[in-house]
């Protein structure tokens, strides 16, 4: 394919204003796909978080121990890690649209019936495992779609918008609270699936009503991205230092993420003495900040790259470092302070953590856009192995949930983040891997 002149590219970009999804709408189809993918993550994370909130409310009513909650919450990951790699493979071979849709639809149906399982720990754990199995395909499928649809100069912003849906989902679940959240978010997920069938497709080449101007623009911008089935170079992929650098970063991120999502409400309850409703409202604040800052840092990353202030690799490393070092330091400093100081530091800390979505998340699209689903399956799958071990680690570090034990837990999180960040900074690169183009 021949390269176009700057004037031709400019004309193509201008034509994007004429691209409707349906008569009367002037939105490029790749933005519709990103928005809908973000909604998918919103629904998925809201549905999984609703269980945690219900257990917290039940514990206050019954004055029960929280130890059994750890096992129930972690059972989600028993299924979650199993389907990551198969989800990535199926996304590359058969298209990510239907796989992502199936994962969200099934997860939403399970959310609707979950209130009927709350009386039995065994049934609740079983529903969590099955929900995890279906949600395990969501991240690989979403990343495969980004690899097929998003040009290089939009990867930071579009990846951030997509993955920020998770933070908005968690915040919304805390704000809604109670068993009604299962029905609300489950219902939204089912409605989303219906819209997904009509609005979104696995690639520009299979989209039935994308305009020629946008399709031609994406063909030019996605040079080297194949829309055909690929042969997966397993040996080269598993021996790639870039893949393992991303795995290391994901392990560090998930360690801190588990502590924040699972343990933050317990800290607010045991140390700062918030009641359940206060806990829910306060717990939502950092994630709302994280959602907003994810979008801001995403667009900032694209600006820095497009204006050549920073290389793509340097941008990814700087934002990852901000997401790790900056957030971990503030979160560690927050422990032990009064309610106001703790919340201020915590909200800012999670806001900084959002930079991760502009650092480590889009780097897979940089070095392996053709195999973004498979690589995400490896990275996120291996990265969540730590989530299975976290209840044991948390119980060891913080058995009595007293202040000095909380400081120990957050100190360990800081050290894990620092190590993961060092691995990423040393070994990561946004340069496309040779095996990405393997047919």
Foldseek 3Di string as FASTA:
>chain_A
DDADDPVVLVVLVVCLQVWALDPPRRHALLVVLLLLLLLLLLLLLLLLLQVLLQVQVVCVVVVDDCLLVLVLSLLLLVQQLVCQQVLLQCCQAPNLLVLSLQLLLVLLVLLLCLVVCVVDSVSSSVSSNVNSNSCNNSLLSSQLLCLQRPFPLQLLQSLLSNNLSNLNNNLVSLLVGDSVSSVVSSVVSNVSSVVSVSRDTRHPVPDDRTDPSSVVSSCNRSPLADPHRFDAPVVCQVPALQLVLLLLLLLLVVLVVCCLSNVQLVLCCPPQNDDSSRSSNLSSLLSVLLSVLSNVLSVVLSVCPVVVVDPLFVSLLVLLCQLQQVLLVLQLVLQPDHPVSNSVSNSVSSSSNSSNSSHSVSLLSQAASNSRSNSSSVRNSSSCVVSSVNSVVLCVQQVPSDRVSVSSSSVVSNVSSVVSSVSNSVRHDSHHDPSNSHD
